[in-house]
Protein backbone atom coordinates (compact mmCIF):
# COMPACT_ATOMS: atom_id res chain seq x y z
CA UNK A 1 52.42 -26.28 51.55
CA UNK A 2 51.26 -29.39 53.30
CA UNK A 3 47.82 -28.44 53.35
CA UNK A 4 47.92 -27.73 49.57
CA UNK A 5 49.45 -31.10 48.92
CA UNK A 6 46.87 -32.90 51.21
CA UNK A 7 43.98 -30.96 49.32
CA UNK A 8 45.46 -31.98 45.94
CA UNK A 9 45.69 -35.60 46.86
CA UNK A 10 42.02 -35.71 48.02
CA UNK A 11 41.24 -34.40 44.74
CA UNK A 12 43.38 -36.98 42.77
CA UNK A 13 42.67 -40.13 44.83
CA UNK A 14 39.10 -40.72 43.43
CA UNK A 15 40.74 -40.53 39.89
CA UNK A 16 43.09 -43.35 40.53
CA UNK A 17 42.24 -47.00 39.81
CA UNK A 18 40.36 -48.83 42.60
CA UNK A 19 40.45 -52.45 43.57
CA UNK A 20 37.03 -52.95 41.89
CA UNK A 21 38.56 -52.26 38.39
CA UNK A 22 40.88 -55.12 38.82
CA UNK A 23 38.40 -57.57 40.58
CA UNK A 24 35.99 -57.36 37.41
CA UNK A 25 38.91 -58.54 35.11
CA UNK A 26 38.66 -61.98 36.76
CA UNK A 27 34.92 -62.53 35.96
CA UNK A 28 35.31 -63.34 32.17
CA UNK A 29 39.02 -63.31 31.22
CA UNK A 30 38.49 -65.61 28.05
CA UNK A 31 35.86 -63.15 26.63
CA UNK A 32 38.10 -60.13 27.28
CA UNK A 33 41.37 -61.94 25.98
CA UNK A 34 39.51 -62.81 22.81
CA UNK A 35 38.00 -59.27 22.41
CA UNK A 36 41.35 -57.67 23.10
CA UNK A 37 43.09 -59.85 20.30
CA UNK A 38 40.26 -58.90 17.99
CA UNK A 39 40.67 -55.39 18.61
CA UNK A 40 44.43 -55.52 18.16
CA UNK A 41 44.00 -57.00 14.71
CA UNK A 42 41.61 -54.28 13.92
CA UNK A 43 43.72 -51.58 15.43
CA UNK A 44 47.02 -52.43 13.77
CA UNK A 45 46.42 -51.21 10.28
CA UNK A 46 44.63 -48.25 11.79
CA UNK A 47 47.59 -47.35 14.15
CA UNK A 48 50.05 -47.65 11.22
CA UNK A 49 47.79 -45.58 8.90
CA UNK A 50 47.08 -42.94 11.22
CA UNK A 51 50.70 -42.52 12.22
CA UNK A 52 51.71 -42.13 8.57
CA UNK A 53 48.90 -39.65 8.01
CA UNK A 54 49.89 -37.44 10.90
CA UNK A 55 53.26 -37.02 9.26
CA UNK A 56 55.26 -38.69 12.13
CA UNK A 57 55.60 -42.21 10.57
CA UNK A 58 53.89 -45.68 11.21
CA UNK A 59 56.17 -46.15 14.31
CA UNK A 60 54.58 -43.03 15.84
CA UNK A 61 51.06 -44.74 15.44
CA UNK A 62 52.13 -47.99 16.98
CA UNK A 63 53.84 -46.27 19.78
CA UNK A 64 50.53 -44.47 20.51
CA UNK A 65 48.52 -47.54 20.28
CA UNK A 66 50.66 -49.41 22.64
CA UNK A 67 51.60 -46.97 25.33
CA UNK A 68 48.57 -44.74 25.31
CA UNK A 69 46.26 -47.70 24.86
CA UNK A 70 47.47 -49.48 27.93
CA UNK A 71 47.63 -46.39 30.20
CA UNK A 72 44.11 -45.06 29.08
CA UNK A 73 42.85 -48.65 29.72
CA UNK A 74 44.31 -48.67 33.12
CA UNK A 75 43.64 -45.24 34.44
CA UNK A 76 40.61 -44.33 32.27
CA UNK A 77 37.02 -44.28 33.55
CA UNK A 78 35.35 -46.83 31.19
CA UNK A 79 35.77 -50.60 31.37
CA UNK A 80 35.25 -51.03 27.53
CA UNK A 81 37.07 -47.96 26.00
CA UNK A 82 39.94 -48.56 23.65
CA UNK A 83 42.35 -45.68 23.02
CA UNK A 84 45.07 -44.78 20.33
CA UNK A 85 45.53 -42.69 17.31
CA UNK A 86 42.35 -41.80 15.41
CA UNK A 87 41.32 -40.16 12.33
CA UNK A 88 39.87 -37.02 13.78
CA UNK A 89 42.91 -36.44 15.74
CA UNK A 90 45.07 -36.95 12.56
CA UNK A 91 43.23 -34.05 10.81
CA UNK A 92 44.09 -31.67 13.61
CA UNK A 93 47.79 -32.90 13.77
CA UNK A 94 48.64 -32.41 9.99
CA UNK A 95 48.68 -28.55 10.14
CA UNK A 96 50.51 -28.73 13.47
CA UNK A 97 53.38 -30.86 11.88
CA UNK A 98 53.50 -28.51 8.90
CA UNK A 99 53.89 -25.54 10.91
CA UNK A 100 56.02 -26.82 13.92
CA UNK A 101 57.43 -30.06 12.80
CA UNK A 102 57.37 -33.58 14.50
CA UNK A 103 58.77 -31.98 17.78
CA UNK A 104 55.92 -29.57 17.88
CA UNK A 105 53.34 -32.41 17.65
CA UNK A 106 54.92 -34.29 20.37
CA UNK A 107 55.12 -31.22 22.79
CA UNK A 108 51.49 -30.43 21.87
CA UNK A 109 50.52 -33.90 22.97
CA UNK A 110 52.43 -33.40 26.15
CA UNK A 111 50.76 -30.15 26.91
CA UNK A 112 47.28 -31.56 26.03
CA UNK A 113 47.84 -34.47 28.63
CA UNK A 114 48.44 -31.76 31.29
CA UNK A 115 45.25 -29.84 30.35
CA UNK A 116 43.20 -33.15 30.37
CA UNK A 117 44.44 -34.00 33.78
CA UNK A 118 43.53 -30.43 35.00
CA UNK A 119 40.06 -30.88 33.56
CA UNK A 120 39.76 -34.19 35.38
CA UNK A 121 40.79 -32.60 38.77
CA UNK A 122 38.34 -29.86 38.10
CA UNK A 123 35.65 -32.39 37.64
CA UNK A 124 34.72 -31.07 34.23
CA UNK A 125 33.87 -34.40 32.88
CA UNK A 126 30.39 -34.35 34.36
CA UNK A 127 29.26 -31.72 31.87
CA UNK A 128 29.17 -34.26 29.14
CA UNK A 129 25.77 -35.40 30.72
CA UNK A 130 24.16 -32.21 29.21
CA UNK A 131 24.86 -33.23 25.77
CA UNK A 132 21.26 -34.16 24.54
CA UNK A 133 20.58 -37.83 23.38
CA UNK A 134 19.79 -36.76 19.66
CA UNK A 135 23.34 -35.20 19.50
CA UNK A 136 24.81 -38.55 20.74
CA UNK A 137 22.69 -40.51 18.39
CA UNK A 138 23.47 -38.37 15.52
CA UNK A 139 27.33 -38.38 16.44
CA UNK A 140 27.01 -42.19 16.56
CA UNK A 141 25.35 -42.45 13.09
CA UNK A 142 27.74 -40.04 11.61
CA UNK A 143 30.81 -41.94 12.92
CA UNK A 144 29.39 -45.21 11.67
CA UNK A 145 29.09 -43.51 8.14
CA UNK A 146 32.52 -42.27 8.43
CA UNK A 147 34.16 -45.55 9.49
CA UNK A 148 32.22 -47.30 6.56
CA UNK A 149 33.31 -44.83 4.04
CA UNK A 150 36.86 -44.82 5.23
CA UNK A 151 37.02 -48.55 4.31
CA UNK A 152 35.98 -47.99 0.80
CA UNK A 153 39.38 -47.65 -0.84
CA UNK A 154 40.86 -50.89 0.87
CA UNK A 155 37.52 -52.76 0.26
CA UNK A 156 37.77 -51.85 -3.41
CA UNK A 157 41.51 -52.76 -3.58
CA UNK A 158 42.65 -49.24 -4.87
CA UNK A 159 45.34 -47.06 -3.67
CA UNK A 160 44.30 -44.46 -0.88
CA UNK A 161 43.18 -41.33 -2.83
CA UNK A 162 44.52 -37.83 -1.57
CA UNK A 163 42.39 -35.70 0.33
CA UNK A 164 41.22 -35.22 3.84
CA UNK A 165 37.27 -35.19 3.29
CA UNK A 166 36.00 -38.79 3.54
CA UNK A 167 33.09 -38.15 0.95
CA UNK A 168 35.67 -36.80 -1.51
CA UNK A 169 38.18 -39.72 -0.89
CA UNK A 170 35.33 -42.30 -1.29
CA UNK A 171 34.29 -40.77 -4.55
CA UNK A 172 37.82 -40.74 -5.93
CA UNK A 173 38.18 -44.38 -4.89
CA UNK A 174 35.07 -45.48 -6.52
CA UNK A 175 36.12 -43.75 -9.81
CA UNK A 176 39.58 -45.46 -9.58
CA UNK A 177 37.83 -48.80 -9.09
CA UNK A 178 35.56 -48.21 -12.17
CA UNK A 179 38.64 -47.55 -14.20
CA UNK A 180 40.42 -50.54 -12.80
CA UNK A 181 38.15 -53.03 -11.08
CA UNK A 182 39.67 -55.33 -8.30
CA UNK A 183 36.91 -57.91 -7.68
CA UNK A 184 39.32 -59.79 -5.38
CA UNK A 185 39.44 -57.16 -2.84
CA UNK A 186 35.79 -56.65 -2.94
CA UNK A 187 35.20 -60.45 -2.51
CA UNK A 188 37.36 -60.47 0.61
CA UNK A 189 35.76 -57.47 2.24
CA UNK A 190 32.29 -58.51 1.49
CA UNK A 191 33.04 -62.08 2.53
CA UNK A 192 34.62 -60.88 5.82
CA UNK A 193 31.78 -58.47 6.66
CA UNK A 194 29.08 -61.16 5.71
CA UNK A 195 30.72 -63.79 8.05
CA UNK A 196 30.70 -61.24 10.75
CA UNK A 197 27.30 -60.09 10.45
CA UNK A 198 25.59 -63.58 9.89
CA UNK A 199 27.77 -65.27 12.45
CA UNK A 200 26.95 -62.68 15.02
CA UNK A 201 23.20 -63.40 14.67
CA UNK A 202 23.71 -67.17 14.66
CA UNK A 203 26.49 -67.72 17.37
CA UNK A 204 27.12 -64.30 19.01
CA UNK A 205 29.83 -65.95 21.45
CA UNK A 206 32.17 -66.90 18.68
CA UNK A 207 34.66 -64.08 17.56
CA UNK A 208 33.87 -64.25 13.99
CA UNK A 209 36.05 -61.40 13.28
CA UNK A 210 39.32 -63.40 14.00
CA UNK A 211 37.89 -66.47 12.06
CA UNK A 212 36.99 -64.43 9.00
CA UNK A 213 40.40 -62.46 9.04
CA UNK A 214 42.33 -65.62 9.50
CA UNK A 215 40.39 -67.31 6.71
CA UNK A 216 40.80 -64.38 4.28
CA UNK A 217 44.54 -64.40 4.97
CA UNK A 218 44.86 -68.15 4.37
CA UNK A 219 42.89 -67.84 1.09
CA UNK A 220 45.00 -65.02 -0.10
CA UNK A 221 48.18 -66.89 0.55
CA UNK A 222 47.07 -70.20 -0.81
CA UNK A 223 45.73 -69.00 -3.98
CA UNK A 224 48.46 -66.24 -4.39
CA UNK A 225 45.85 -63.52 -4.65
CA UNK A 226 48.34 -60.79 -5.62
CA UNK A 227 45.28 -58.39 -6.11
CA UNK A 228 44.59 -58.53 -2.38
CA UNK A 229 47.12 -56.17 -1.11
CA UNK A 230 48.61 -57.04 2.30
CA UNK A 231 49.38 -54.56 5.21
CA UNK A 232 53.02 -54.84 4.33
CA UNK A 233 56.18 -54.45 6.35
CA UNK A 234 55.98 -53.46 9.81
CA UNK A 235 58.48 -51.40 12.00
CA UNK A 236 60.02 -53.42 14.64
CA UNK A 237 60.43 -52.09 18.34
CA UNK A 238 59.59 -48.93 20.01
CA UNK A 239 61.92 -45.89 20.57
CA UNK A 240 63.45 -45.30 24.01
CA UNK A 241 61.48 -42.72 26.15
CA UNK A 242 62.94 -39.24 25.78
CA UNK A 243 62.20 -35.62 26.25
CA UNK A 244 64.58 -34.36 23.64
CA UNK A 245 61.75 -32.99 21.46
CA UNK A 246 60.83 -30.38 24.21
CA UNK A 247 61.55 -26.78 23.26
CA UNK A 248 60.45 -24.73 26.43
CA UNK A 249 60.72 -21.44 24.28
CA UNK A 250 57.84 -22.95 21.91
CA UNK A 251 55.34 -23.48 24.65
CA UNK A 252 53.49 -20.27 24.35
CA UNK A 253 53.13 -20.61 20.56
CA UNK A 254 51.77 -24.25 20.95
CA UNK A 255 49.32 -23.51 23.62
CA UNK A 256 46.35 -22.77 21.12
CA UNK A 257 47.14 -26.02 19.24
CA UNK A 258 47.38 -27.85 22.62
CA UNK A 259 43.86 -26.55 23.72
CA UNK A 260 42.33 -27.81 20.37
CA UNK A 261 43.98 -31.31 20.80
CA UNK A 262 42.83 -31.55 24.47
CA UNK A 263 39.25 -30.40 23.45
CA UNK A 264 39.06 -32.98 20.83
CA UNK A 265 40.53 -35.78 23.04
CA UNK A 266 38.07 -34.90 25.71
CA UNK A 267 35.11 -34.61 23.62
CA UNK A 268 35.83 -37.78 21.42
CA UNK A 269 36.79 -39.87 24.47
CA UNK A 270 33.69 -38.89 26.57
CA UNK A 271 31.33 -39.34 23.68
CA UNK A 272 32.85 -42.63 22.78
CA UNK A 273 32.45 -43.74 26.35
CA UNK A 274 28.82 -42.58 26.27
CA UNK A 275 28.28 -44.48 22.91
CA UNK A 276 29.90 -47.60 24.55
CA UNK A 277 27.53 -47.33 27.59
CA UNK A 278 24.69 -47.17 25.18
CA UNK A 279 25.80 -50.44 23.46
CA UNK A 280 25.74 -52.34 26.61
CA UNK A 281 23.52 -53.12 29.77
CA UNK A 282 24.96 -52.22 33.14
CA UNK A 283 28.21 -50.39 32.16
CA UNK A 284 28.63 -46.62 33.13
CA UNK A 285 31.93 -44.78 32.74
CA UNK A 286 33.19 -42.10 35.13
CA UNK A 287 33.86 -38.89 32.99
CA UNK A 288 36.41 -37.55 35.13
CA UNK A 289 38.49 -40.62 35.50
CA UNK A 290 38.17 -40.89 31.72
CA UNK A 291 39.71 -37.31 31.09
CA UNK A 292 42.41 -38.44 33.79
CA UNK A 293 43.15 -41.58 31.98
CA UNK A 294 43.37 -39.78 28.66
CA UNK A 295 45.61 -37.17 30.27
CA UNK A 296 48.17 -39.72 31.47
CA UNK A 297 48.03 -41.56 28.16
CA UNK A 298 48.96 -38.27 26.34
CA UNK A 299 51.59 -37.33 28.80
CA UNK A 300 53.48 -40.67 28.18
CA UNK A 301 52.84 -41.32 24.54
CA UNK A 302 54.97 -38.36 23.21
CA UNK A 303 57.95 -39.79 25.40
CA UNK A 304 58.04 -42.74 23.07
CA UNK A 305 57.40 -40.74 19.80
CA UNK A 306 53.71 -41.25 19.84
CA UNK A 307 51.01 -38.84 18.51
CA UNK A 308 48.39 -37.46 20.79
CA UNK A 309 45.82 -40.21 21.46
CA UNK A 310 42.04 -40.25 22.20
CA UNK A 311 39.41 -43.02 22.71
CA UNK A 312 38.70 -44.64 19.31
CA UNK A 313 34.98 -45.31 18.72
CA UNK A 314 35.60 -47.84 15.92
CA UNK A 315 37.84 -49.95 18.22
CA UNK A 316 35.56 -49.42 21.26
CA UNK A 317 32.69 -50.78 19.17
CA UNK A 318 34.68 -53.74 18.05
CA UNK A 319 35.58 -54.39 21.75
CA UNK A 320 31.97 -54.20 22.72
CA UNK A 321 30.69 -56.18 20.03
CA UNK A 322 33.28 -59.00 20.48
CA UNK A 323 32.18 -59.51 24.19
CA UNK A 324 34.44 -57.53 26.21
CA UNK A 325 33.34 -57.05 29.85
CA UNK A 326 36.26 -55.26 31.59
CA UNK A 327 39.34 -53.15 30.84
CA UNK A 328 41.43 -56.29 30.53
CA UNK A 329 40.44 -56.41 26.85
CA UNK A 330 41.85 -52.90 26.12
CA UNK A 331 45.03 -53.96 28.07
CA UNK A 332 45.17 -57.17 25.97
CA UNK A 333 44.77 -55.13 22.86
CA UNK A 334 47.78 -53.00 23.82
CA UNK A 335 49.91 -56.02 24.84
CA UNK A 336 49.09 -57.75 21.46
CA UNK A 337 50.21 -54.82 19.63
CA UNK A 338 53.43 -54.63 21.57
CA UNK A 339 54.09 -58.45 20.88
CA UNK A 340 53.45 -57.70 17.24
CA UNK A 341 55.84 -54.76 17.16
CA UNK A 342 58.68 -56.89 18.54
CA UNK A 343 57.90 -60.51 17.32
CA UNK A 344 55.16 -61.23 14.96
CA UNK A 345 55.41 -58.50 12.33
CA UNK A 346 56.17 -60.88 9.47
CA UNK A 347 53.02 -62.80 10.03
CA UNK A 348 50.66 -59.98 10.45
CA UNK A 349 52.16 -58.16 7.54
CA UNK A 350 50.49 -60.72 5.17
CA UNK A 351 46.80 -59.89 6.34
CA UNK A 352 44.96 -58.37 3.31
CA UNK A 353 43.94 -54.83 3.80
CA UNK A 354 40.65 -55.79 2.13
CA UNK A 355 39.82 -58.30 5.00
CA UNK A 356 40.37 -55.66 7.59
CA UNK A 357 38.17 -53.32 5.69
CA UNK A 358 35.49 -55.82 5.90
CA UNK A 359 35.95 -56.11 9.71
CA UNK A 360 35.27 -52.33 10.13
CA UNK A 361 32.39 -52.32 7.51
CA UNK A 362 30.55 -54.89 9.72
CA UNK A 363 31.37 -52.92 12.84
CA UNK A 364 29.88 -49.71 11.23
CA UNK A 365 26.73 -51.49 10.33
CA UNK A 366 26.34 -52.88 13.88
CA UNK A 367 27.06 -49.57 15.51
CA UNK A 368 23.73 -48.36 13.96
CA UNK A 369 20.85 -48.95 16.42
CA UNK A 370 17.93 -48.69 14.12
CA UNK A 371 15.38 -48.87 16.92
CA UNK A 372 16.95 -46.12 18.85
CA UNK A 373 17.27 -44.02 15.75
CA UNK A 374 13.55 -44.66 14.81
CA UNK A 375 12.36 -43.68 18.32
CA UNK A 376 14.45 -40.62 18.50
CA UNK A 377 13.21 -39.21 15.08
CA UNK A 378 9.57 -39.89 16.08
CA UNK A 379 9.87 -38.26 19.43
CA UNK A 380 9.62 -34.66 18.43
CA UNK A 381 10.58 -32.64 15.30
CA UNK A 382 13.36 -30.89 17.18
CA UNK A 383 15.07 -34.19 18.11
CA UNK A 384 14.85 -35.38 14.47
CA UNK A 385 16.42 -32.10 13.25
CA UNK A 386 19.26 -32.18 15.65
CA UNK A 387 20.10 -35.92 15.11
CA UNK A 388 20.13 -35.60 11.22
CA UNK A 389 22.08 -32.33 11.49
CA UNK A 390 24.67 -33.77 13.80
CA UNK A 391 25.06 -36.86 11.68
CA UNK A 392 25.48 -34.81 8.46
CA UNK A 393 28.06 -32.45 10.14
CA UNK A 394 30.01 -35.46 11.46
CA UNK A 395 30.15 -36.91 7.95
CA UNK A 396 30.78 -33.46 5.94
CA UNK A 397 32.98 -31.63 8.57
CA UNK A 398 34.48 -33.31 11.54
CA UNK A 399 33.65 -34.42 14.99
CA UNK A 400 34.20 -31.22 16.99
CA UNK A 401 32.20 -29.11 14.62
CA UNK A 402 29.47 -31.68 14.48
CA UNK A 403 28.99 -31.72 18.22
CA UNK A 404 29.22 -27.90 18.44
CA UNK A 405 26.62 -27.55 15.75
CA UNK A 406 24.30 -30.24 17.31
CA UNK A 407 24.76 -28.49 20.75
CA UNK A 408 24.02 -24.99 19.33
CA UNK A 409 20.97 -26.11 17.35
CA UNK A 410 19.58 -28.25 20.28
CA UNK A 411 20.09 -25.39 22.62
CA UNK A 412 18.40 -22.89 20.20
CA UNK A 413 15.31 -25.39 19.79
CA UNK A 414 15.19 -25.88 23.66
CA UNK A 415 15.24 -22.23 24.32
CA UNK A 416 12.34 -21.75 21.76
CA UNK A 417 10.43 -24.47 23.38
CA UNK A 418 10.96 -22.98 26.89
CA UNK A 419 10.15 -19.45 25.75
CA UNK A 420 6.94 -20.69 24.10
CA UNK A 421 5.72 -21.96 27.49
CA UNK A 422 5.71 -18.26 28.85
CA UNK A 423 2.46 -16.58 28.31
CA UNK A 424 0.67 -13.44 29.59
CA UNK A 425 -3.01 -13.86 30.01
CA UNK A 426 -5.56 -11.14 30.75
CA UNK A 427 -7.66 -12.04 33.80
CA UNK A 428 -10.91 -11.05 35.55
CA UNK A 429 -9.51 -8.90 38.43
CA UNK A 430 -12.94 -7.89 39.63
CA UNK A 431 -13.32 -11.47 40.98
CA UNK A 432 -10.67 -10.41 43.65
CA UNK A 433 -12.57 -7.33 44.64
CA UNK A 434 -14.12 -7.26 48.14
CA UNK A 435 -17.88 -7.58 48.21
CA UNK A 436 -18.84 -4.17 49.49
CA UNK A 437 -18.39 -2.73 46.21
CA UNK A 438 -21.43 -1.82 44.02
CA UNK A 439 -22.03 -3.10 40.40
CA UNK A 440 -21.61 0.50 39.14
CA UNK A 441 -18.06 0.58 40.82
CA UNK A 442 -17.21 -2.81 39.51
CA UNK A 443 -18.06 -1.56 35.86
CA UNK A 444 -16.03 1.57 36.45
CA UNK A 445 -13.04 -0.41 37.75
CA UNK A 446 -13.34 -2.91 34.73
CA UNK A 447 -13.23 0.18 32.38
CA UNK A 448 -10.22 1.59 33.71
CA UNK A 449 -8.02 -1.45 35.19
CA UNK A 450 -6.78 -4.38 33.33
CA UNK A 451 -4.96 -7.23 34.90
CA UNK A 452 -2.38 -9.78 33.47
CA UNK A 453 -1.09 -13.04 34.91
CA UNK A 454 2.46 -13.92 33.64
CA UNK A 455 3.32 -17.54 33.66
CA UNK A 456 6.44 -19.31 33.02
CA UNK A 457 9.96 -18.10 32.27
CA UNK A 458 10.74 -14.43 31.29
CA UNK A 459 14.22 -14.40 29.74
CA UNK A 460 16.01 -13.45 26.78
CA UNK A 461 14.67 -16.04 24.45
CA UNK A 462 11.03 -14.74 24.61
CA UNK A 463 10.87 -11.58 26.72
CA UNK A 464 10.42 -9.24 23.81
CA UNK A 465 6.96 -10.74 23.33
CA UNK A 466 5.79 -9.21 26.65
CA UNK A 467 7.19 -5.85 25.62
CA UNK A 468 5.15 -5.95 22.46
CA UNK A 469 2.01 -7.19 24.21
CA UNK A 470 2.29 -4.60 26.91
CA UNK A 471 3.04 -1.76 24.61
CA UNK A 472 -0.39 -2.45 22.73
CA UNK A 473 -2.45 -1.97 25.82
CA UNK A 474 -4.70 1.14 25.42
CA UNK A 475 -7.89 2.69 26.87
CA UNK A 476 -7.10 1.87 30.38
CA UNK A 477 -5.63 3.97 33.28
CA UNK A 478 -3.98 1.03 35.50
CA UNK A 479 -2.25 -2.06 34.44
CA UNK A 480 -1.90 -4.67 37.09
CA UNK A 481 0.85 -7.35 36.65
CA UNK A 482 0.56 -10.53 38.63
CA UNK A 483 4.05 -12.17 38.76
CA UNK A 484 3.75 -14.83 41.44
CA UNK A 485 3.81 -17.49 38.73
CA UNK A 486 7.07 -16.45 36.76
CA UNK A 487 9.39 -19.36 37.19
CA UNK A 488 12.61 -17.56 36.19
CA UNK A 489 13.78 -14.08 35.16
CA UNK A 490 17.08 -12.97 33.74
CA UNK A 491 18.45 -9.58 33.04
CA UNK A 492 17.02 -9.33 29.61
CA UNK A 493 13.61 -10.16 30.97
CA UNK A 494 13.73 -7.65 33.81
CA UNK A 495 14.92 -4.97 31.32
CA UNK A 496 12.11 -5.70 29.02
CA UNK A 497 9.66 -5.37 32.00
CA UNK A 498 11.34 -1.96 32.95
CA UNK A 499 11.09 -0.67 29.45
CA UNK A 500 7.23 -1.67 29.22
CA UNK A 501 6.54 0.12 32.55
CA UNK A 502 8.36 3.18 31.28
CA UNK A 503 6.49 3.34 28.13
CA UNK A 504 3.22 2.77 29.89
CA UNK A 505 3.80 5.54 32.33
CA UNK A 506 4.72 7.83 29.60
CA UNK A 507 1.38 7.10 28.11
CA UNK A 508 -0.27 8.12 31.49
CA UNK A 509 -0.99 4.40 32.40
CA UNK A 510 0.03 3.30 36.02
CA UNK A 511 1.49 -0.10 36.38
CA UNK A 512 0.92 -2.09 39.58
CA UNK A 513 2.72 -5.35 40.35
CA UNK A 514 1.84 -8.04 42.85
CA UNK A 515 3.57 -11.41 44.00
CA UNK A 516 7.15 -10.56 42.93
CA UNK A 517 9.18 -13.55 44.23
CA UNK A 518 12.62 -13.37 46.02
CA UNK A 519 14.26 -15.04 42.98
CA UNK A 520 13.15 -12.20 40.66
CA UNK A 521 14.05 -9.41 42.80
CA UNK A 522 17.93 -9.39 42.07
CA UNK A 523 17.27 -9.18 38.38
CA UNK A 524 14.60 -6.38 38.68
CA UNK A 525 16.86 -4.56 41.01
CA UNK A 526 19.91 -4.83 38.70
CA UNK A 527 18.18 -2.94 35.94
CA UNK A 528 16.44 -0.44 38.29
CA UNK A 529 12.99 -1.78 37.82
CA UNK A 530 12.33 -2.18 41.49
CA UNK A 531 13.23 1.55 41.98
CA UNK A 532 10.85 2.52 39.36
CA UNK A 533 7.94 0.74 40.93
CA UNK A 534 8.82 1.82 44.57
CA UNK A 535 9.12 5.49 43.52
CA UNK A 536 5.37 5.33 42.62
CA UNK A 537 4.40 2.96 45.42
CA UNK A 538 3.23 0.52 42.94
CA UNK A 539 4.70 -2.81 44.11
CA UNK A 540 2.36 -4.97 46.32
CA UNK A 541 2.61 -8.34 47.99
CA UNK A 542 -0.84 -9.59 46.74
CA UNK A 543 -3.26 -9.07 44.11
CA UNK A 544 -6.04 -7.73 46.36
CA UNK A 545 -3.67 -5.22 47.66
CA UNK A 546 -2.72 -4.04 44.12
CA UNK A 547 -6.31 -3.74 43.29
CA UNK A 548 -6.85 -1.51 46.22
CA UNK A 549 -3.82 0.49 45.14
CA UNK A 550 -5.25 0.92 41.68
CA UNK A 551 -8.56 2.05 43.26
CA UNK A 552 -6.67 4.76 45.29
CA UNK A 553 -4.87 5.80 42.10
CA UNK A 554 -8.17 6.23 40.33
CA UNK A 555 -9.59 8.17 43.32
CA UNK A 556 -6.59 10.33 43.26
CA UNK A 557 -7.02 11.04 39.66
CA UNK A 558 -10.80 11.90 40.21
CA UNK A 559 -12.07 8.93 38.19
CA UNK A 560 -13.62 7.27 41.27
CA UNK A 561 -15.35 8.65 44.39
CA UNK A 562 -13.53 8.08 47.73
CA UNK A 563 -14.78 4.93 49.53
CA UNK A 564 -14.20 4.02 53.22
CA UNK A 565 -11.76 1.08 53.94
CA UNK A 566 -8.22 0.07 54.61
CA UNK A 567 -5.63 1.46 52.37
CA UNK A 568 -3.22 -1.11 51.01
CA UNK A 569 0.57 -0.68 51.93
CA UNK A 570 2.97 -0.84 49.03
CA UNK A 571 6.06 -3.01 49.40
CA UNK A 572 8.97 -0.86 50.63
CA UNK A 573 11.84 -3.32 51.00
CA UNK A 574 12.60 -6.76 50.16
CA UNK A 575 12.73 -7.65 53.78
CA UNK A 576 8.90 -6.65 54.28
CA UNK A 577 7.94 -9.67 52.15
């Protein structure tokens, strides 16, 4: 038992916060505090809205932003990540609420936290590095579009239309605005966005988001702009921690939803951290620690009535763009929201929703790196296809589907590119013949023997081409396959090669092989291809030996007269190599 505990501690220790995480907080505390304050102002309406959308109420959204935001910042693997309730998670939670009720959502969050910690201990976070750059860029572009479109109703000053698809909601909002224009809200949103975008170019060090939001709030109050709807009343205080919602008998039925929530939290958090790294210089996240931090956050949030949390790309982007350099900014964001919950709710309730929409519109614009997108599109046609497809899927479907589609298409295109590298070329084997053969015998050999050199990978993506090419060989008695340059071979490639040998043998054509590498033997042996070659004594270590074996076969069949010389020895066992 003690050995197991010691081993577990060794696995967990690298996932815990280190002194360096706290030391970096002292470098630029002013910038981090200002960034955290800005993110808190942006996060407040989002936390309230996502809480309501999930079906658990605004209080649940605030609890998630405060509790999960603080713990994920403390234990996570990114210095810049900001966590809380998100729109993507809300979409997943709505059917869970409908089927299992609020208690089911809290239980799912708890189970998802355990799953995320398990993934962290198993070091599963490193596999995010295998996501291709076009998928990440397309994901970022799609998220920027989603963030911008989500702000359209508040920017236009219309009530939030029904629906869970952002394009449909935006269309309905525009239609409502056309019927009843609210130019006050539009002016506030555009003004705030313009101040942020122009100010960032002129004076990057100044937090223009705070300046613009405060200015918009003051203008709305001084001129009594009733058309600029404010945030409204806020709940005060957080509930006491409790496990009263937990129903052990329901754990089995909630496992599948918990897996979906954990997968989304892991995917969105790791991609968000990757995006944050790309927006900065010198910042790199630890994927396993990020999973661990999200797991801790999701374990704690349900105790306070919070919904499952994940890293929020919109808030993380605001955090980066406003100058954050350490996790102090995310901790400040959580602390400010806690203060707002307990003390400053009346003041914040007066901020116009249109002003906050302007903040996120500007954030969405600044998330799009035009230079990076242009370079990715120009790289290859495959990269352009993957980028555009991922962005469109993010906009039209959701984050999980978008990334899965991007990965599948990128993988398929990569396999096609790798498969296209494999080729089988006919070669002049007579150049390898010893010099004592006469010109007449060279001519006879050339008439009856053909040699092919196989280059590159022979695997499922393109192995069928070899079967087709080999099957079309005619008017020869012996085929020599030079296999020393095959880089990889899977079971499909070995099976295709065996089928080709059998088809040629049935047509009376002998197949000799040379240069089979140790890495290929396992695949060939698993499908019986090696036994087929060894049975006839037709596997050789080198090409000259295979040619000698081909001559011996032709002599045995009476095509060539016997010649003096050493007879080649076929490969009997793998050890003989």
